[in-house]
Amino acid sequence: MPNKKTSTERKKSETKSLKVHEPFKSDVLKDVDVVTEALLDCIRTGDLETFRELLAAHLMTVNKVELAKKAGIGRRTIYDLIDPEKEFNPELSTISALIRALAA
């Protein structure tokens, strides 16, 4: 079977420039004291859905590697907590480690 001849001509990119990535930013969600108090309030009221949304939103604003080291949990665990397609069923030890790391 003969080799196909490839074009040496380069095609131009369809986009004019690179797209600017705007990371998820919020001053309120970066405030550890506010987030910790709100998470504890969600636990008191039994509002698991709000707890998950608030925790995921806060985790998107912080450095996940540093938080994982501080909490003593795996980085993959933090990414699993953020992923909306995964079932949210963390162990109590994971949640307590995260809240303890946030409060420290």
N, C-alpha and C. Protein backbone atom coordinates (compact mmCIF):
# COMPACT_ATOMS: atom_id res chain seq x y z
N MET A 1 0.84 -1.17 0.00
CA MET A 1 0.00 0.00 0.00
C MET A 1 0.89 1.24 0.00
N PRO A 2 0.74 2.12 -0.95
CA PRO A 2 1.61 3.29 -1.04
C PRO A 2 1.28 4.30 0.08
N ASN A 3 2.32 5.01 0.50
CA ASN A 3 2.13 6.04 1.52
C ASN A 3 1.36 7.22 0.95
N LYS A 4 0.51 7.79 1.79
CA LYS A 4 -0.24 8.97 1.36
C LYS A 4 0.66 10.19 1.48
N LYS A 5 0.54 11.06 0.54
CA LYS A 5 1.34 12.28 0.56
C LYS A 5 0.65 13.29 1.47
N THR A 6 1.40 13.86 2.40
CA THR A 6 0.84 14.85 3.30
C THR A 6 1.14 16.24 2.80
N SER A 7 0.26 17.12 3.10
CA SER A 7 0.42 18.50 2.68
C SER A 7 1.46 19.19 3.55
N THR A 8 2.32 19.95 2.94
CA THR A 8 3.32 20.71 3.69
C THR A 8 2.80 22.12 3.99
N GLU A 9 1.64 22.41 3.47
CA GLU A 9 1.05 23.73 3.66
C GLU A 9 0.33 23.78 5.01
N ARG A 10 0.62 24.80 5.81
CA ARG A 10 -0.01 24.94 7.11
C ARG A 10 -1.33 25.69 6.97
N LYS A 11 -2.30 25.20 7.73
CA LYS A 11 -3.60 25.87 7.73
C LYS A 11 -3.62 26.92 8.83
N LYS A 12 -4.33 28.01 8.55
CA LYS A 12 -4.46 29.06 9.55
C LYS A 12 -5.53 28.67 10.55
N SER A 13 -5.32 29.10 11.77
CA SER A 13 -6.28 28.83 12.83
C SER A 13 -7.55 29.61 12.57
N GLU A 14 -8.66 29.00 12.95
CA GLU A 14 -9.94 29.66 12.71
C GLU A 14 -10.20 30.78 13.72
N THR A 15 -9.58 30.69 14.88
CA THR A 15 -9.77 31.75 15.86
C THR A 15 -8.68 32.78 15.68
N LYS A 16 -9.02 34.02 15.91
CA LYS A 16 -8.07 35.11 15.72
C LYS A 16 -7.04 35.16 16.85
N SER A 17 -7.47 34.82 18.06
CA SER A 17 -6.54 34.84 19.19
C SER A 17 -6.98 33.81 20.21
N LEU A 18 -6.17 33.65 21.20
CA LEU A 18 -6.51 32.71 22.25
C LEU A 18 -7.69 33.23 23.07
N LYS A 19 -8.49 32.30 23.56
CA LYS A 19 -9.61 32.70 24.40
C LYS A 19 -9.10 32.95 25.80
N VAL A 20 -9.63 33.97 26.42
CA VAL A 20 -9.23 34.32 27.78
C VAL A 20 -10.04 33.47 28.74
N HIS A 21 -9.33 32.79 29.64
CA HIS A 21 -9.99 31.97 30.65
C HIS A 21 -10.18 32.79 31.91
N GLU A 22 -11.42 32.92 32.34
CA GLU A 22 -11.71 33.65 33.56
C GLU A 22 -12.04 32.65 34.64
N PRO A 23 -11.15 32.44 35.60
CA PRO A 23 -11.44 31.47 36.66
C PRO A 23 -12.59 31.93 37.53
N PHE A 24 -13.19 30.97 38.19
CA PHE A 24 -14.31 31.24 39.08
C PHE A 24 -13.79 32.06 40.25
N LYS A 25 -14.27 33.29 40.37
CA LYS A 25 -13.79 34.17 41.43
C LYS A 25 -14.96 34.76 42.20
N SER A 26 -14.83 34.78 43.50
CA SER A 26 -15.82 35.41 44.35
C SER A 26 -15.15 35.73 45.67
N ASP A 27 -15.26 36.99 46.10
CA ASP A 27 -14.66 37.38 47.36
C ASP A 27 -15.37 36.73 48.54
N VAL A 28 -16.68 36.56 48.43
CA VAL A 28 -17.44 35.94 49.52
C VAL A 28 -17.07 34.47 49.65
N LEU A 29 -16.95 33.77 48.53
CA LEU A 29 -16.62 32.36 48.58
C LEU A 29 -15.17 32.10 48.96
N LYS A 30 -14.32 33.10 48.88
CA LYS A 30 -12.94 32.95 49.32
C LYS A 30 -12.79 33.20 50.81
N ASP A 31 -13.77 33.86 51.41
CA ASP A 31 -13.73 34.15 52.84
C ASP A 31 -13.99 32.87 53.62
N VAL A 32 -12.95 32.34 54.22
CA VAL A 32 -13.02 31.04 54.90
C VAL A 32 -13.98 31.07 56.07
N ASP A 33 -14.01 32.18 56.81
CA ASP A 33 -14.90 32.26 57.97
C ASP A 33 -16.36 32.19 57.56
N VAL A 34 -16.72 32.90 56.51
CA VAL A 34 -18.11 32.89 56.03
C VAL A 34 -18.49 31.51 55.52
N VAL A 35 -17.60 30.90 54.75
CA VAL A 35 -17.89 29.58 54.17
C VAL A 35 -17.99 28.52 55.27
N THR A 36 -17.08 28.56 56.22
CA THR A 36 -17.12 27.58 57.31
C THR A 36 -18.40 27.69 58.11
N GLU A 37 -18.79 28.91 58.43
CA GLU A 37 -20.04 29.12 59.18
C GLU A 37 -21.25 28.65 58.38
N ALA A 38 -21.26 28.93 57.08
CA ALA A 38 -22.39 28.51 56.24
C ALA A 38 -22.44 26.99 56.11
N LEU A 39 -21.27 26.34 56.00
CA LEU A 39 -21.25 24.88 55.92
C LEU A 39 -21.76 24.24 57.21
N LEU A 40 -21.35 24.80 58.35
CA LEU A 40 -21.83 24.28 59.62
C LEU A 40 -23.33 24.51 59.79
N ASP A 41 -23.82 25.63 59.27
CA ASP A 41 -25.25 25.90 59.31
C ASP A 41 -26.02 24.89 58.45
N CYS A 42 -25.46 24.54 57.30
CA CYS A 42 -26.09 23.53 56.44
C CYS A 42 -26.15 22.17 57.14
N ILE A 43 -25.10 21.86 57.89
CA ILE A 43 -25.10 20.60 58.64
C ILE A 43 -26.17 20.63 59.73
N ARG A 44 -26.28 21.77 60.42
CA ARG A 44 -27.29 21.90 61.48
C ARG A 44 -28.69 21.73 60.94
N THR A 45 -28.97 22.29 59.77
CA THR A 45 -30.33 22.23 59.21
C THR A 45 -30.57 20.99 58.36
N GLY A 46 -29.51 20.25 58.05
CA GLY A 46 -29.66 19.03 57.25
C GLY A 46 -29.83 19.30 55.76
N ASP A 47 -29.38 20.44 55.29
CA ASP A 47 -29.52 20.81 53.89
C ASP A 47 -28.30 20.33 53.11
N LEU A 48 -28.34 19.08 52.67
CA LEU A 48 -27.19 18.46 52.01
C LEU A 48 -26.92 19.07 50.63
N GLU A 49 -27.97 19.43 49.90
CA GLU A 49 -27.80 19.99 48.55
C GLU A 49 -27.06 21.34 48.60
N THR A 50 -27.47 22.20 49.51
CA THR A 50 -26.80 23.49 49.66
C THR A 50 -25.38 23.31 50.16
N PHE A 51 -25.18 22.35 51.05
CA PHE A 51 -23.85 22.04 51.55
C PHE A 51 -22.92 21.67 50.41
N ARG A 52 -23.40 20.79 49.53
CA ARG A 52 -22.57 20.37 48.40
C ARG A 52 -22.27 21.53 47.47
N GLU A 53 -23.28 22.32 47.13
CA GLU A 53 -23.07 23.44 46.21
C GLU A 53 -22.10 24.46 46.80
N LEU A 54 -22.26 24.76 48.08
CA LEU A 54 -21.39 25.74 48.73
C LEU A 54 -19.96 25.21 48.83
N LEU A 55 -19.82 23.96 49.20
CA LEU A 55 -18.49 23.36 49.30
C LEU A 55 -17.80 23.32 47.94
N ALA A 56 -18.53 22.92 46.91
CA ALA A 56 -17.95 22.86 45.56
C ALA A 56 -17.56 24.25 45.07
N ALA A 57 -18.41 25.24 45.33
CA ALA A 57 -18.10 26.61 44.90
C ALA A 57 -16.86 27.13 45.62
N HIS A 58 -16.75 26.83 46.90
CA HIS A 58 -15.57 27.28 47.65
C HIS A 58 -14.31 26.55 47.16
N LEU A 59 -14.43 25.26 46.93
CA LEU A 59 -13.27 24.49 46.48
C LEU A 59 -12.77 24.95 45.12
N MET A 60 -13.65 25.51 44.31
CA MET A 60 -13.22 26.03 43.00
C MET A 60 -12.38 27.30 43.15
N THR A 61 -12.51 27.99 44.28
CA THR A 61 -11.79 29.25 44.45
C THR A 61 -10.45 29.10 45.17
N VAL A 62 -10.19 27.94 45.76
CA VAL A 62 -8.96 27.76 46.54
C VAL A 62 -7.98 26.86 45.81
N ASN A 63 -6.75 26.86 46.30
CA ASN A 63 -5.73 25.98 45.76
C ASN A 63 -5.98 24.58 46.31
N LYS A 64 -6.35 23.68 45.44
CA LYS A 64 -6.75 22.34 45.86
C LYS A 64 -5.60 21.51 46.41
N VAL A 65 -4.40 21.70 45.87
CA VAL A 65 -3.25 20.94 46.34
C VAL A 65 -2.90 21.34 47.77
N GLU A 66 -2.87 22.63 48.05
CA GLU A 66 -2.57 23.09 49.40
C GLU A 66 -3.64 22.64 50.39
N LEU A 67 -4.90 22.73 50.00
CA LEU A 67 -5.99 22.31 50.87
C LEU A 67 -5.92 20.81 51.15
N ALA A 68 -5.60 20.03 50.14
CA ALA A 68 -5.50 18.58 50.32
C ALA A 68 -4.38 18.24 51.30
N LYS A 69 -3.26 18.93 51.19
CA LYS A 69 -2.15 18.70 52.12
C LYS A 69 -2.54 19.11 53.54
N LYS A 70 -3.17 20.27 53.65
CA LYS A 70 -3.57 20.76 54.96
C LYS A 70 -4.60 19.85 55.62
N ALA A 71 -5.53 19.31 54.82
CA ALA A 71 -6.59 18.45 55.35
C ALA A 71 -6.13 17.01 55.52
N GLY A 72 -5.06 16.64 54.86
CA GLY A 72 -4.58 15.27 54.95
C GLY A 72 -5.40 14.29 54.13
N ILE A 73 -5.97 14.79 53.04
CA ILE A 73 -6.75 13.93 52.15
C ILE A 73 -6.15 14.00 50.75
N GLY A 74 -6.58 13.12 49.88
CA GLY A 74 -6.07 13.10 48.52
C GLY A 74 -6.63 14.22 47.68
N ARG A 75 -5.83 14.70 46.76
CA ARG A 75 -6.28 15.75 45.84
C ARG A 75 -7.43 15.26 44.98
N ARG A 76 -7.39 13.99 44.59
CA ARG A 76 -8.45 13.41 43.78
C ARG A 76 -9.79 13.45 44.51
N THR A 77 -9.75 13.32 45.84
CA THR A 77 -10.97 13.39 46.64
C THR A 77 -11.62 14.76 46.51
N ILE A 78 -10.81 15.80 46.51
CA ILE A 78 -11.34 17.15 46.36
C ILE A 78 -11.96 17.34 44.99
N TYR A 79 -11.30 16.84 43.96
CA TYR A 79 -11.86 16.95 42.61
C TYR A 79 -13.15 16.13 42.48
N ASP A 80 -13.23 15.00 43.17
CA ASP A 80 -14.46 14.20 43.15
C ASP A 80 -15.61 14.94 43.83
N LEU A 81 -15.31 15.72 44.87
CA LEU A 81 -16.35 16.49 45.55
C LEU A 81 -16.88 17.61 44.66
N ILE A 82 -16.05 18.14 43.79
CA ILE A 82 -16.46 19.22 42.89
C ILE A 82 -17.27 18.70 41.71
N ASP A 83 -16.97 17.49 41.25
CA ASP A 83 -17.58 16.94 40.04
C ASP A 83 -19.08 16.71 40.24
N PRO A 84 -19.93 17.44 39.49
CA PRO A 84 -21.38 17.29 39.66
C PRO A 84 -21.93 15.96 39.15
N GLU A 85 -21.17 15.26 38.33
CA GLU A 85 -21.64 13.99 37.79
C GLU A 85 -21.40 12.82 38.74
N LYS A 86 -20.55 13.03 39.73
CA LYS A 86 -20.26 11.98 40.70
C LYS A 86 -21.25 12.06 41.85
N GLU A 87 -21.50 10.91 42.47
CA GLU A 87 -22.39 10.88 43.62
C GLU A 87 -21.71 11.56 44.80
N PHE A 88 -22.45 12.41 45.49
CA PHE A 88 -21.90 13.14 46.64
C PHE A 88 -22.22 12.34 47.89
N ASN A 89 -21.26 11.54 48.32
CA ASN A 89 -21.44 10.75 49.51
C ASN A 89 -20.10 10.61 50.24
N PRO A 90 -19.53 11.76 50.67
CA PRO A 90 -18.22 11.70 51.32
C PRO A 90 -18.34 11.12 52.73
N GLU A 91 -17.25 10.58 53.21
CA GLU A 91 -17.21 10.07 54.57
C GLU A 91 -17.17 11.25 55.53
N LEU A 92 -17.63 10.99 56.72
CA LEU A 92 -17.63 12.03 57.75
C LEU A 92 -16.21 12.50 58.05
N SER A 93 -15.25 11.58 57.99
CA SER A 93 -13.85 11.95 58.25
C SER A 93 -13.34 12.92 57.19
N THR A 94 -13.79 12.76 55.95
CA THR A 94 -13.38 13.67 54.87
C THR A 94 -13.95 15.06 55.10
N ILE A 95 -15.23 15.14 55.44
CA ILE A 95 -15.87 16.44 55.67
C ILE A 95 -15.26 17.13 56.88
N SER A 96 -15.04 16.37 57.95
CA SER A 96 -14.46 16.99 59.15
C SER A 96 -13.03 17.46 58.89
N ALA A 97 -12.26 16.70 58.11
CA ALA A 97 -10.90 17.12 57.77
C ALA A 97 -10.91 18.40 56.94
N LEU A 98 -11.86 18.50 56.00
CA LEU A 98 -11.96 19.72 55.18
C LEU A 98 -12.36 20.92 56.02
N ILE A 99 -13.35 20.76 56.87
CA ILE A 99 -13.79 21.89 57.69
C ILE A 99 -12.70 22.30 58.67
N ARG A 100 -11.98 21.32 59.23
CA ARG A 100 -10.88 21.62 60.14
C ARG A 100 -9.77 22.37 59.39
N ALA A 101 -9.48 21.95 58.16
CA ALA A 101 -8.45 22.64 57.37
C ALA A 101 -8.89 24.04 56.98
N LEU A 102 -10.16 24.23 56.70
CA LEU A 102 -10.66 25.55 56.35
C LEU A 102 -10.60 26.49 57.56
N ALA A 103 -10.94 25.95 58.72
CA ALA A 103 -10.98 26.78 59.93
C ALA A 103 -9.58 27.11 60.45
N ALA A 104 -8.58 26.32 60.07
CA ALA A 104 -7.22 26.54 60.58
C ALA A 104 -6.55 27.75 59.93
